[in-house]
Amino acid sequence: MTIIKQVNAAAILTVRQAVLRQGLPIEASIFDKDEDRHTAHFGAFIGNTVIGCASLVRNTHSRFSPKFSRVAQLRGMAVLPEHRDGGIGGLLLRAAETKATEDGVEVLWFNARIKAVPFYEKNGYLREGEAYEIEGVGTHYFMFKVLSTYE
């Protein structure tokens, strides 16, 4: 049985490295704002073994100003290959969305790898613009979802 827990960044670095930063030192899996007090990290666990992760970071984006002021970025979402297609990604995404909504976030955005775009679209996210390269990481699309509007 898979359990999603809010954890510290150190708990999910091995999954980030294995999936998102293959062949790079563990330090390449440490992201800006990992230790920010507003950042929330989620781990998917089977027993004591972490098999998936996602991070929710308060990070604005010019595409949403001035209409939305409470904006967050989903970063480092990953599931180990041997555990994919079992709904773990959806559980991690729901955990991040729930936390974002609790924190009053209006829009959740991220850079999605091309192969992950159908998953996010199935979960209500919109793709905007053309594909672009993130150096050393690969081709991505900008994606977002309006969670709520607060007046």
Protein backbone atom coordinates (compact mmCIF):
# COMPACT_ATOMS: atom_id res chain seq x y z
CA MET A 1 0.00 0.00 0.00
CA THR A 2 1.30 3.44 -0.94
CA ILE A 3 1.18 6.25 1.61
CA ILE A 4 1.77 9.93 0.80
CA LYS A 5 3.47 11.92 3.57
CA GLN A 6 4.74 15.45 3.88
CA VAL A 7 8.50 15.17 4.42
CA ASN A 8 11.69 17.24 4.37
CA ALA A 9 13.67 17.67 1.15
CA ALA A 10 16.40 15.24 2.19
CA ALA A 11 13.86 12.39 2.29
CA ILE A 12 13.13 12.63 -1.45
CA LEU A 13 16.55 13.43 -2.94
CA THR A 14 17.27 9.84 -3.98
CA VAL A 15 14.10 9.69 -6.10
CA ARG A 16 14.78 13.10 -7.65
CA GLN A 17 18.28 11.97 -8.56
CA ALA A 18 17.22 8.59 -9.94
CA VAL A 19 14.44 10.00 -12.13
CA LEU A 20 15.17 13.67 -12.82
CA ARG A 21 18.96 14.01 -12.52
CA GLN A 22 20.26 10.63 -13.66
CA GLY A 23 24.04 10.38 -13.74
CA LEU A 24 24.52 13.64 -11.85
CA PRO A 25 25.75 14.03 -8.29
CA ILE A 26 23.13 14.14 -5.53
CA GLU A 27 23.76 17.89 -5.17
CA ALA A 28 22.10 18.39 -8.59
CA SER A 29 18.87 17.17 -6.98
CA ILE A 30 18.82 20.00 -4.44
CA PHE A 31 16.55 22.75 -5.75
CA ASP A 32 16.35 26.43 -5.03
CA LYS A 33 13.86 27.11 -2.21
CA ASP A 34 13.92 23.50 -0.95
CA GLU A 35 14.45 24.79 2.58
CA ASP A 36 12.08 27.76 2.34
CA ARG A 37 9.49 27.73 5.14
CA HIS A 38 6.66 27.91 2.57
CA THR A 39 7.91 24.92 0.57
CA ALA A 40 6.16 21.58 1.10
CA HIS A 41 7.65 18.25 0.02
CA PHE A 42 5.67 15.06 -0.45
CA GLY A 43 6.95 11.51 -0.55
CA ALA A 44 5.17 8.40 -1.74
CA PHE A 45 6.17 5.46 0.43
CA ILE A 46 5.79 1.73 0.40
CA GLY A 47 6.76 0.82 3.93
CA ASN A 48 9.82 2.92 4.70
CA THR A 49 10.95 3.15 1.08
CA VAL A 50 10.36 6.37 -0.84
CA ILE A 51 9.21 5.65 -4.40
CA GLY A 52 7.87 9.03 -5.54
CA CYS A 53 8.06 12.71 -4.74
CA ALA A 54 6.77 16.20 -5.46
CA SER A 55 7.48 19.66 -4.08
CA LEU A 56 5.23 22.68 -3.80
CA VAL A 57 7.15 25.97 -3.93
CA ARG A 58 5.85 29.52 -3.56
CA ASN A 59 7.14 30.87 -6.84
CA THR A 60 5.40 33.57 -8.84
CA HIS A 61 5.38 33.72 -12.62
CA SER A 62 4.97 36.77 -14.83
CA ARG A 63 2.27 35.02 -16.88
CA PHE A 64 -0.13 35.39 -13.96
CA SER A 65 0.52 38.97 -12.82
CA PRO A 66 -1.40 41.03 -11.89
CA LYS A 67 -4.54 38.85 -12.05
CA PHE A 68 -3.30 36.25 -9.57
CA SER A 69 -1.14 37.03 -6.55
CA ARG A 70 -1.07 33.63 -4.85
CA VAL A 71 0.92 31.44 -7.21
CA ALA A 72 2.96 28.29 -6.57
CA GLN A 73 5.15 25.99 -8.62
CA LEU A 74 5.11 22.20 -8.62
CA ARG A 75 8.71 21.00 -8.80
CA GLY A 76 10.55 17.73 -8.87
CA MET A 77 7.58 15.45 -9.34
CA ALA A 78 8.83 11.94 -10.01
CA VAL A 79 7.97 8.28 -9.52
CA LEU A 80 10.53 5.49 -9.79
CA PRO A 81 10.02 3.65 -13.12
CA GLU A 82 9.15 0.32 -11.52
CA HIS A 83 6.26 1.95 -9.64
CA ARG A 84 4.67 3.94 -12.46
CA ASP A 85 1.17 3.37 -13.84
CA GLY A 86 -0.19 2.51 -10.41
CA GLY A 87 -1.76 5.86 -9.61
CA ILE A 88 1.11 7.15 -7.46
CA GLY A 89 1.60 10.25 -9.59
CA GLY A 90 -2.06 11.11 -9.13
CA LEU A 91 -1.78 10.69 -5.36
CA LEU A 92 1.23 13.01 -5.24
CA LEU A 93 -0.50 15.56 -7.44
CA ARG A 94 -3.62 15.53 -5.24
CA ALA A 95 -1.50 16.00 -2.12
CA ALA A 96 0.22 19.03 -3.65
CA GLU A 97 -3.07 20.49 -4.89
CA THR A 98 -4.72 19.99 -1.50
CA LYS A 99 -1.85 21.71 0.31
CA ALA A 100 -1.84 24.53 -2.26
CA THR A 101 -5.58 25.07 -1.80
CA GLU A 102 -5.24 25.02 2.00
CA ASP A 103 -2.51 27.68 1.64
CA GLY A 104 -4.74 29.88 -0.53
CA VAL A 105 -2.82 29.30 -3.76
CA GLU A 106 -4.83 30.38 -6.80
CA VAL A 107 -2.66 28.98 -9.60
CA LEU A 108 -0.30 26.02 -9.70
CA TRP A 109 2.25 25.97 -12.54
CA PHE A 110 5.26 23.94 -13.63
CA ASN A 111 7.60 22.93 -16.42
CA ALA A 112 6.41 19.54 -17.68
CA ARG A 113 8.58 17.07 -19.53
CA ILE A 114 7.03 16.14 -22.87
CA LYS A 115 6.30 12.55 -21.82
CA ALA A 116 4.39 13.78 -18.74
CA VAL A 117 2.11 16.23 -20.59
CA PRO A 118 -0.75 13.72 -21.19
CA PHE A 119 -0.79 12.83 -17.47
CA TYR A 120 -1.12 16.48 -16.45
CA GLU A 121 -3.73 17.23 -19.14
CA LYS A 122 -5.78 14.27 -17.87
CA ASN A 123 -5.64 15.93 -14.45
CA GLY A 124 -7.01 19.27 -15.66
CA TYR A 125 -3.79 21.17 -16.40
CA LEU A 126 -3.45 23.39 -19.45
CA ARG A 127 -0.43 23.54 -21.73
CA GLU A 128 0.61 26.98 -22.91
CA GLY A 129 3.08 28.00 -25.60
CA GLU A 130 5.69 26.07 -27.51
CA ALA A 131 8.06 23.41 -26.22
CA TYR A 132 11.37 24.69 -24.83
CA GLU A 133 14.63 23.25 -23.59
CA ILE A 134 15.81 23.38 -20.01
CA GLU A 135 19.56 22.96 -20.26
CA GLY A 136 20.75 19.62 -19.00
CA VAL A 137 17.22 18.45 -18.26
CA GLY A 138 15.32 18.20 -21.56
CA THR A 139 12.34 19.49 -23.51
CA HIS A 140 9.40 20.87 -21.53
CA TYR A 141 6.06 22.63 -21.83
CA PHE A 142 4.72 25.31 -19.52
CA MET A 143 1.59 24.01 -17.79
CA PHE A 144 -0.79 25.40 -15.18
CA LYS A 145 -4.13 25.02 -13.45
CA VAL A 146 -6.30 27.63 -11.77
CA LEU A 147 -7.17 26.06 -8.43
CA SER A 148 -9.35 28.86 -7.09
CA THR A 149 -9.80 32.59 -7.25
CA TYR A 150 -9.93 34.49 -4.01
CA GLU A 151 -11.52 37.90 -3.85
